[in-house]
Amino acid sequence: LSVLTELVYDPTIFTKAIFGYRREFQNSPVIGSFYDLDVPYAGVRQMIGSRVQFTLYGRYEIRRYRGVTVGAMAVDRNDNVVNAGSMLNVFTQRWLHVGVSYNLLANQSDLELLDGLRGVYFLRHQVMFHLNIAYRGRSPG
């Protein structure tokens, strides 16, 4: 089950902004039975001239896991996930573009157990380079 609301704003033909909120319930086969998910997000895409595109985006997830058991003990687990990044694409031809992107992903869990074990915390930085080629075949006839 999912509910999504989104606002798209195009102040110019070169700029697009998206603001949204998603509420969802997901099955969780590994951690507990399921989790509730609240996700506010935003993104902005800007064309610079006719060949360069710059994008910024961010989202914050609140995951509340249900049905988590450790041994015979039922525990609560809430994860706070931040995902943010940027992307730069250069369109060299109609069918070819190259780009670079950066993505930050951070997850912090508040799970605490009696024996001193704490929840998960991780931080990941990714830099990706990409080359996209679009092929459009001819239609028969």
C-alpha atoms as a PDB file:
ATOM      1  CA  LEU A   1       0.000   0.000   0.000  1.00  0.00           C
ATOM      2  CA  SER A   2       1.417   3.369  -0.984  1.00  0.00           C
ATOM      3  CA  VAL A   3       0.290   6.998  -1.042  1.00  0.00           C
ATOM      4  CA  LEU A   4       2.232   9.584  -3.042  1.00  0.00           C
ATOM      5  CA  THR A   5       1.805  13.307  -3.408  1.00  0.00           C
ATOM      6  CA  GLU A   6       4.068  15.326  -5.671  1.00  0.00           C
ATOM      7  CA  LEU A   7       4.393  18.922  -6.796  1.00  0.00           C
ATOM      8  CA  VAL A   8       6.231  19.621 -10.064  1.00  0.00           C
ATOM      9  CA  TYR A   9       7.191  23.206 -10.766  1.00  0.00           C
ATOM     10  CA  ASP A  10       8.619  24.432 -14.089  1.00  0.00           C
ATOM     11  CA  PRO A  11       9.537  28.104 -13.590  1.00  0.00           C
ATOM     12  CA  THR A  12      11.278  28.195 -16.996  1.00  0.00           C
ATOM     13  CA  ILE A  13      11.696  25.778 -19.886  1.00  0.00           C
ATOM     14  CA  PHE A  14      15.223  25.100 -18.605  1.00  0.00           C
ATOM     15  CA  THR A  15      14.374  24.420 -14.940  1.00  0.00           C
ATOM     16  CA  LYS A  16      12.271  21.745 -13.255  1.00  0.00           C
ATOM     17  CA  ALA A  17      11.741  21.305  -9.510  1.00  0.00           C
ATOM     18  CA  ILE A  18      10.004  18.356  -7.859  1.00  0.00           C
ATOM     19  CA  PHE A  19       8.836  18.187  -4.242  1.00  0.00           C
ATOM     20  CA  GLY A  20       7.105  15.126  -2.899  1.00  0.00           C
ATOM     21  CA  TYR A  21       6.077  12.934  -0.016  1.00  0.00           C
ATOM     22  CA  ARG A  22       5.493   9.176  -0.019  1.00  0.00           C
ATOM     23  CA  ARG A  23       3.883   7.027   2.715  1.00  0.00           C
ATOM     24  CA  GLU A  24       4.216   3.300   2.214  1.00  0.00           C
ATOM     25  CA  PHE A  25       4.145  -0.125   3.844  1.00  0.00           C
ATOM     26  CA  GLN A  26       6.774  -2.633   2.643  1.00  0.00           C
ATOM     27  CA  ASN A  27       7.308  -6.310   3.361  1.00  0.00           C
ATOM     28  CA  SER A  28      10.592  -6.958   5.114  1.00  0.00           C
ATOM     29  CA  PRO A  29      11.742 -10.570   4.727  1.00  0.00           C
ATOM     30  CA  VAL A  30      15.072  -9.941   6.495  1.00  0.00           C
ATOM     31  CA  ILE A  31      14.362  -7.458   9.311  1.00  0.00           C
ATOM     32  CA  GLY A  32      11.029  -8.077  11.056  1.00  0.00           C
ATOM     33  CA  SER A  33       7.756  -8.613   9.215  1.00  0.00           C
ATOM     34  CA  PHE A  34       7.224  -5.241   7.530  1.00  0.00           C
ATOM     35  CA  TYR A  35       8.079  -1.565   7.861  1.00  0.00           C
ATOM     36  CA  ASP A  36       6.273   1.774   7.504  1.00  0.00           C
ATOM     37  CA  LEU A  37       8.043   4.237   5.295  1.00  0.00           C
ATOM     38  CA  ASP A  38       7.771   8.033   5.239  1.00  0.00           C
ATOM     39  CA  VAL A  39       9.797   9.774   2.524  1.00  0.00           C
ATOM     40  CA  PRO A  40       9.913  13.506   1.880  1.00  0.00           C
ATOM     41  CA  TYR A  41      12.044  14.314  -1.193  1.00  0.00           C
ATOM     42  CA  ALA A  42      13.051  17.143  -3.497  1.00  0.00           C
ATOM     43  CA  GLY A  43      14.990  17.577  -6.709  1.00  0.00           C
ATOM     44  CA  VAL A  44      15.975  20.295  -9.151  1.00  0.00           C
ATOM     45  CA  ARG A  45      17.122  19.878 -12.756  1.00  0.00           C
ATOM     46  CA  GLN A  46      18.656  22.782 -14.659  1.00  0.00           C
ATOM     47  CA  MET A  47      19.588  22.902 -18.341  1.00  0.00           C
ATOM     48  CA  ILE A  48      22.556  25.127 -19.090  1.00  0.00           C
ATOM     49  CA  GLY A  49      22.343  26.000 -22.752  1.00  0.00           C
ATOM     50  CA  SER A  50      21.148  23.145 -24.928  1.00  0.00           C
ATOM     51  CA  ARG A  51      23.830  20.569 -24.054  1.00  0.00           C
ATOM     52  CA  VAL A  52      24.529  20.606 -20.285  1.00  0.00           C
ATOM     53  CA  GLN A  53      22.164  19.358 -17.610  1.00  0.00           C
ATOM     54  CA  PHE A  54      22.755  19.668 -13.851  1.00  0.00           C
ATOM     55  CA  THR A  55      20.635  17.839 -11.259  1.00  0.00           C
ATOM     56  CA  LEU A  56      20.475  18.009  -7.456  1.00  0.00           C
ATOM     57  CA  TYR A  57      18.287  15.679  -5.386  1.00  0.00           C
ATOM     58  CA  GLY A  58      17.693  14.609  -1.830  1.00  0.00           C
ATOM     59  CA  ARG A  59      15.402  12.364   0.168  1.00  0.00           C
ATOM     60  CA  TYR A  60      14.974  11.439   3.809  1.00  0.00           C
ATOM     61  CA  GLU A  61      13.467   8.061   4.730  1.00  0.00           C
ATOM     62  CA  ILE A  62      12.047   7.142   8.112  1.00  0.00           C
ATOM     63  CA  ARG A  63      11.672   3.353   8.313  1.00  0.00           C
ATOM     64  CA  ARG A  64       9.842   1.876  11.306  1.00  0.00           C
ATOM     65  CA  TYR A  65      10.348  -1.890  11.348  1.00  0.00           C
ATOM     66  CA  ARG A  66       7.593  -4.017  12.923  1.00  0.00           C
ATOM     67  CA  GLY A  67       7.817  -7.593  14.156  1.00  0.00           C
ATOM     68  CA  VAL A  68      11.554  -7.517  14.905  1.00  0.00           C
ATOM     69  CA  THR A  69      12.653 -10.264  17.300  1.00  0.00           C
ATOM     70  CA  VAL A  70      16.084 -10.922  18.731  1.00  0.00           C
ATOM     71  CA  GLY A  71      16.035 -14.355  20.325  1.00  0.00           C
ATOM     72  CA  ALA A  72      12.656 -14.410  22.098  1.00  0.00           C
ATOM     73  CA  MET A  73      12.631 -10.656  22.729  1.00  0.00           C
ATOM     74  CA  ALA A  74      10.512  -8.304  20.613  1.00  0.00           C
ATOM     75  CA  VAL A  75      12.339  -5.045  19.885  1.00  0.00           C
ATOM     76  CA  ASP A  76      11.646  -1.850  17.947  1.00  0.00           C
ATOM     77  CA  ARG A  77      13.919  -0.652  15.185  1.00  0.00           C
ATOM     78  CA  ASN A  78      13.761   2.684  13.412  1.00  0.00           C
ATOM     79  CA  ASP A  79      16.128   3.597  10.595  1.00  0.00           C
ATOM     80  CA  ASN A  80      16.837   7.108   9.343  1.00  0.00           C
ATOM     81  CA  VAL A  81      18.151   7.059   5.788  1.00  0.00           C
ATOM     82  CA  VAL A  82      19.488  10.105   3.917  1.00  0.00           C
ATOM     83  CA  ASN A  83      20.128   9.914   0.190  1.00  0.00           C
ATOM     84  CA  ALA A  84      21.433  12.996  -1.634  1.00  0.00           C
ATOM     85  CA  GLY A  85      23.394  13.666  -4.752  1.00  0.00           C
ATOM     86  CA  SER A  86      24.141  15.582  -7.881  1.00  0.00           C
ATOM     87  CA  MET A  87      24.603  14.760 -11.540  1.00  0.00           C
ATOM     88  CA  LEU A  88      26.152  16.562 -14.497  1.00  0.00           C
ATOM     89  CA  ASN A  89      25.400  15.387 -18.054  1.00  0.00           C
ATOM     90  CA  VAL A  90      26.776  16.740 -21.313  1.00  0.00           C
ATOM     91  CA  PHE A  91      24.829  15.909 -24.471  1.00  0.00           C
ATOM     92  CA  THR A  92      27.416  15.722 -27.246  1.00  0.00           C
ATOM     93  CA  GLN A  93      25.062  14.354 -29.914  1.00  0.00           C
ATOM     94  CA  ARG A  94      21.336  13.616 -30.074  1.00  0.00           C
ATOM     95  CA  TRP A  95      22.163   9.972 -29.384  1.00  0.00           C
ATOM     96  CA  LEU A  96      25.137  10.338 -26.988  1.00  0.00           C
ATOM     97  CA  HIS A  97      25.743  11.889 -23.602  1.00  0.00           C
ATOM     98  CA  VAL A  98      28.454  11.574 -20.969  1.00  0.00           C
ATOM     99  CA  GLY A  99      28.287  12.490 -17.337  1.00  0.00           C
ATOM    100  CA  VAL A 100      29.449  12.217 -13.780  1.00  0.00           C
ATOM    101  CA  SER A 101      27.378  11.830 -10.632  1.00  0.00           C
ATOM    102  CA  TYR A 102      27.907  11.815  -6.889  1.00  0.00           C
ATOM    103  CA  ASN A 103      25.664  10.020  -4.400  1.00  0.00           C
ATOM    104  CA  LEU A 104      25.686  10.090  -0.603  1.00  0.00           C
ATOM    105  CA  LEU A 105      23.824   7.400   1.336  1.00  0.00           C
ATOM    106  CA  ALA A 106      23.685   7.355   5.134  1.00  0.00           C
ATOM    107  CA  ASN A 107      21.694   4.989   7.353  1.00  0.00           C
ATOM    108  CA  GLN A 108      21.411   5.221  11.119  1.00  0.00           C
ATOM    109  CA  SER A 109      19.415   2.694  13.139  1.00  0.00           C
ATOM    110  CA  ASP A 110      18.308   3.236  16.737  1.00  0.00           C
ATOM    111  CA  LEU A 111      18.180  -0.480  17.630  1.00  0.00           C
ATOM    112  CA  GLU A 112      19.693  -1.056  21.081  1.00  0.00           C
ATOM    113  CA  LEU A 113      19.920  -4.418  22.799  1.00  0.00           C
ATOM    114  CA  LEU A 114      20.576  -5.206  26.434  1.00  0.00           C
ATOM    115  CA  ASP A 115      24.028  -6.681  25.856  1.00  0.00           C
ATOM    116  CA  GLY A 116      25.423  -3.450  24.400  1.00  0.00           C
ATOM    117  CA  LEU A 117      24.831  -4.214  20.713  1.00  0.00           C
ATOM    118  CA  ARG A 118      23.812  -1.148  18.793  1.00  0.00           C
ATOM    119  CA  GLY A 119      22.071  -0.597  15.514  1.00  0.00           C
ATOM    120  CA  VAL A 120      23.633  -0.140  12.141  1.00  0.00           C
ATOM    121  CA  TYR A 121      25.292   3.066  10.988  1.00  0.00           C
ATOM    122  CA  PHE A 122      26.894   3.389   7.606  1.00  0.00           C
ATOM    123  CA  LEU A 123      27.909   6.134   5.249  1.00  0.00           C
ATOM    124  CA  ARG A 124      28.608   5.581   1.563  1.00  0.00           C
ATOM    125  CA  HIS A 125      29.999   8.024  -0.992  1.00  0.00           C
ATOM    126  CA  GLN A 126      29.791   7.052  -4.665  1.00  0.00           C
ATOM    127  CA  VAL A 127      31.185   8.797  -7.713  1.00  0.00           C
ATOM    128  CA  MET A 128      30.060   7.359 -11.037  1.00  0.00           C
ATOM    129  CA  PHE A 129      31.025   8.181 -14.596  1.00  0.00           C
ATOM    130  CA  HIS A 130      28.646   7.168 -17.351  1.00  0.00           C
ATOM    131  CA  LEU A 131      28.327   7.059 -21.092  1.00  0.00           C
ATOM    132  CA  ASN A 132      24.829   6.723 -22.566  1.00  0.00           C
ATOM    133  CA  ILE A 133      24.164   5.761 -26.156  1.00  0.00           C
ATOM    134  CA  ALA A 134      20.606   5.789 -27.506  1.00  0.00           C
ATOM    135  CA  TYR A 135      19.809   3.707 -30.565  1.00  0.00           C
ATOM    136  CA  ARG A 136      16.584   4.238 -32.441  1.00  0.00           C
ATOM    137  CA  GLY A 137      15.948   1.688 -35.135  1.00  0.00           C
ATOM    138  CA  ARG A 138      13.978   2.441 -38.248  1.00  0.00           C
ATOM    139  CA  SER A 139      10.338   1.556 -38.305  1.00  0.00           C
ATOM    140  CA  PRO A 140       9.330  -0.921 -41.012  1.00  0.00           C
ATOM    141  CA  GLY A 141       7.578   0.457 -44.013  1.00  0.00           C
END
